[in-house]
Protein backbone atom coordinates (compact mmCIF):
# COMPACT_ATOMS: atom_id res chain seq x y z
CA MET A 1 19.78 10.68 -7.24
CA GLN A 2 19.76 7.05 -6.22
CA ILE A 3 16.65 5.02 -5.35
CA THR A 4 17.20 1.84 -3.29
CA VAL A 5 14.74 -1.04 -3.76
CA MET A 6 14.53 -3.59 -0.93
CA GLU A 7 12.58 -6.88 -0.84
CA THR A 8 10.07 -7.44 1.95
CA ALA A 9 8.61 -10.58 3.50
CA ILE A 10 5.64 -10.38 1.10
CA ALA A 11 6.56 -11.71 -2.34
CA GLY A 12 6.55 -8.89 -4.90
CA CYS A 13 6.27 -6.07 -2.34
CA TYR A 14 9.25 -3.77 -2.11
CA GLU A 15 10.21 -0.97 0.24
CA ILE A 16 11.65 1.83 -1.85
CA LEU A 17 14.08 4.25 -0.26
CA PRO A 18 14.77 7.37 -2.29
CA LYS A 19 17.63 9.66 -1.50
CA VAL A 20 16.43 12.70 0.43
CA VAL A 21 18.44 15.82 -0.38
CA GLY A 22 18.06 18.53 2.22
CA ASP A 23 19.43 21.97 2.91
CA THR A 24 18.34 25.13 4.71
CA ARG A 25 15.40 25.52 2.30
CA GLY A 26 13.92 22.08 3.02
CA SER A 27 14.19 18.83 1.11
CA PHE A 28 13.91 17.33 -2.37
CA VAL A 29 12.92 13.70 -3.11
CA LYS A 30 12.73 11.78 -6.39
CA THR A 31 9.74 9.44 -5.94
CA PHE A 32 9.93 7.63 -9.25
CA HIS A 33 12.61 6.63 -11.76
CA ALA A 34 11.37 4.49 -14.66
CA GLU A 35 14.72 2.81 -15.36
CA THR A 36 15.19 1.73 -11.73
CA PHE A 37 11.63 0.39 -11.53
CA SER A 38 12.00 -1.41 -14.86
CA ASN A 39 15.28 -3.02 -13.73
CA TYR A 40 13.35 -4.66 -10.86
CA GLY A 41 10.42 -5.68 -13.09
CA LEU A 42 8.12 -3.13 -11.41
CA CYS A 43 5.34 -1.19 -13.08
CA THR A 44 6.37 2.03 -14.80
CA ASP A 45 2.95 3.05 -16.16
CA TRP A 46 0.78 4.92 -13.64
CA PRO A 47 -2.43 6.16 -15.33
CA GLU A 48 -3.93 7.50 -12.08
CA GLU A 49 -2.62 9.06 -8.90
CA TYR A 50 -4.49 10.02 -5.72
CA PHE A 51 -3.86 11.46 -2.31
CA SER A 52 -5.73 11.25 0.98
CA ILE A 53 -5.51 13.40 4.08
CA SER A 54 -6.37 11.74 7.38
CA ARG A 55 -6.11 12.59 11.06
CA ARG A 56 -4.55 10.64 13.93
CA GLY A 57 -6.37 7.38 14.65
CA VAL A 58 -7.87 6.98 11.17
CA LEU A 59 -7.53 3.55 9.59
CA ARG A 60 -8.18 3.19 5.87
CA GLY A 61 -8.37 -0.26 4.31
CA LEU A 62 -7.77 -2.98 3.58
CA HIS A 63 -8.49 -2.18 -0.10
CA PHE A 64 -7.81 -3.57 -3.59
CA GLN A 65 -9.43 -3.92 -7.01
CA THR A 66 -10.41 -7.31 -8.41
CA PRO A 67 -9.57 -8.63 -11.89
CA PRO A 68 -9.68 -7.58 -14.63
CA HIS A 69 -9.17 -4.12 -13.07
CA HIS A 70 -6.62 -5.19 -10.45
CA HIS A 71 -3.61 -2.94 -10.09
CA ASP A 72 -0.16 -2.46 -8.68
CA LYS A 73 0.24 0.48 -6.28
CA LEU A 74 3.06 2.71 -5.18
CA VAL A 75 2.21 4.40 -1.86
CA TYR A 76 4.09 6.96 0.20
CA CYS A 77 3.49 9.51 2.93
CA VAL A 78 4.29 13.14 2.06
CA GLU A 79 3.17 14.60 5.41
CA GLY A 80 3.16 12.87 8.78
CA ALA A 81 3.54 9.16 9.48
CA VAL A 82 1.45 6.02 9.04
CA LEU A 83 1.65 2.33 9.76
CA ASP A 84 1.13 0.92 6.29
CA ALA A 85 -0.10 -2.66 6.02
CA VAL A 86 -0.57 -5.23 3.27
CA VAL A 87 -2.09 -8.72 3.19
CA ASP A 88 -1.25 -11.24 0.45
CA LEU A 89 -4.48 -12.50 -1.17
CA ARG A 90 -2.79 -14.44 -3.99
CA LYS A 91 -3.49 -18.17 -3.89
CA GLY A 92 -0.28 -20.06 -4.60
CA SER A 93 1.91 -17.26 -3.25
CA PRO A 94 4.55 -18.32 -0.71
CA SER A 95 3.26 -15.48 1.48
CA PHE A 96 -0.51 -16.09 0.98
CA GLY A 97 -2.44 -14.87 4.02
CA ASN A 98 0.61 -13.19 5.52
CA HIS A 99 0.76 -9.52 6.32
CA LEU A 100 3.45 -6.87 6.51
CA VAL A 101 3.38 -3.63 8.49
CA LEU A 102 5.85 -0.87 7.63
CA GLU A 103 6.06 2.67 8.95
CA LEU A 104 5.99 5.20 6.12
CA THR A 105 7.02 8.74 7.03
CA ALA A 106 7.44 12.02 5.23
CA ASP A 107 10.83 12.49 6.90
CA LYS A 108 12.21 9.16 5.70
CA ALA A 109 10.35 9.44 2.34
CA ASN A 110 10.17 5.65 2.10
CA MET A 111 7.58 4.06 -0.18
CA LEU A 112 5.91 0.69 -0.58
CA TYR A 113 5.45 -0.99 -3.96
CA ILE A 114 2.41 -3.28 -3.81
CA PRO A 115 1.68 -5.77 -6.63
CA ASN A 116 -1.88 -6.66 -7.59
CA GLY A 117 -3.54 -9.29 -5.41
CA ILE A 118 -2.46 -7.56 -2.22
CA ALA A 119 -4.87 -5.79 0.15
CA HIS A 120 -3.60 -2.42 1.38
CA GLY A 121 -4.42 -0.14 4.30
CA PHE A 122 -2.86 2.24 6.78
CA TYR A 123 -3.27 3.71 10.26
CA VAL A 124 -2.30 7.34 10.99
CA VAL A 125 0.15 7.70 13.90
CA SER A 126 0.92 11.43 13.50
CA ASP A 127 -1.49 14.33 14.06
CA SER A 128 -2.37 14.09 10.36
CA ALA A 129 -0.97 12.35 7.31
CA THR A 130 -1.12 12.87 3.57
CA MET A 131 -0.73 9.67 1.57
CA MET A 132 -0.01 9.48 -2.16
CA TYR A 133 -1.06 6.50 -4.30
CA LYS A 134 0.02 5.74 -7.85
CA VAL A 135 -2.00 2.92 -9.46
CA SER A 136 -1.43 0.90 -12.63
CA SER A 137 -5.08 0.78 -13.72
CA MET A 138 -8.00 3.15 -13.79
CA TYR A 139 -10.45 3.22 -10.90
CA ALA A 140 -13.30 0.75 -11.51
CA PRO A 141 -15.96 1.16 -8.79
CA GLU A 142 -17.57 -2.23 -9.51
CA HIS A 143 -14.19 -3.92 -8.83
CA ASP A 144 -13.21 -1.81 -5.81
CA THR A 145 -13.45 -3.84 -2.60
CA GLY A 146 -11.47 -5.04 0.37
CA ILE A 147 -11.30 -7.17 3.48
CA ARG A 148 -12.13 -6.00 6.99
CA TRP A 149 -9.24 -4.21 8.69
CA ASN A 150 -9.26 -6.41 11.83
CA SER A 151 -9.61 -9.82 10.18
CA ALA A 152 -6.10 -10.60 8.95
CA GLY A 153 -4.07 -10.73 12.17
CA ILE A 154 -2.51 -7.28 11.88
CA GLY A 155 -1.49 -5.86 15.27
CA TRP A 156 -2.95 -2.38 14.79
CA PRO A 157 -2.10 0.02 17.65
CA ASP A 158 -5.77 0.85 18.28
CA ALA A 159 -8.61 -1.64 18.81
CA LYS A 160 -11.17 1.03 17.92
CA PRO A 161 -9.71 3.15 15.12
CA ILE A 162 -11.71 5.64 13.10
CA VAL A 163 -12.97 3.68 10.07
CA SER A 164 -15.57 4.38 7.41
CA ALA A 165 -18.88 2.52 7.42
CA ARG A 166 -17.79 0.91 4.15
CA ASP A 167 -14.53 -0.40 5.64
CA ALA A 168 -16.30 -1.66 8.78
CA GLY A 169 -18.68 -3.67 6.57
CA LEU A 170 -16.08 -5.37 4.36
CA PRO A 171 -15.92 -9.18 4.56
CA ALA A 172 -13.47 -10.87 6.90
CA PHE A 173 -10.33 -12.36 5.36
CA CYS A 174 -11.51 -15.90 6.22
CA ALA A 175 -14.81 -15.31 4.34
CA PHE A 176 -13.20 -13.76 1.27
CA GLU A 177 -12.89 -15.98 -1.82
CA SER A 178 -9.81 -14.61 -3.53
CA PRO A 179 -9.88 -14.16 -7.33
CA PHE A 180 -6.08 -13.77 -7.30
CA ASP A 181 -4.17 -16.97 -8.11
CA LEU A 182 -0.48 -17.37 -8.90
CA ARG A 183 -0.82 -21.11 -9.56
CA GLY A 184 -0.65 -22.14 -13.18
CA ARG A 185 0.72 -18.81 -14.42
């Protein structure tokens, strides 16, 4: 089964399109293939995996972990549909401060590979959505943070989404001093 990896406008982020095999029983999708990921220089070691279930109108994000516990993520929607968004926080990146919005759906089975230094969030457009997250480092609560969902210029479809108190209280992008820096690497 082939997995197609496509570059996006955010440096290091890739949309991943697996082949969906379907028949009268349903469908089958390969979500990960180490050799394909390795050929593109993508992470192949995922020590933790999570899922979230959210209802229509929920917005989660924009989240990330800071160094030294920063991580790459692989996210995909296994039920429903979301508008998935990322913001580049890496100083020295050609796409610093830019964002990308991509619809992830269970039907299409597309995924987004997100390198460290990128804030991530999503908005649920279906009645409900189940999102899967693979991460390249262990959860470190003292390094878990984010930027406020409405501070990075993303054109969310709802001006008053359902957000957690934590997410509503995150700092604005313009007030965030990024610890991610690609300069001098």
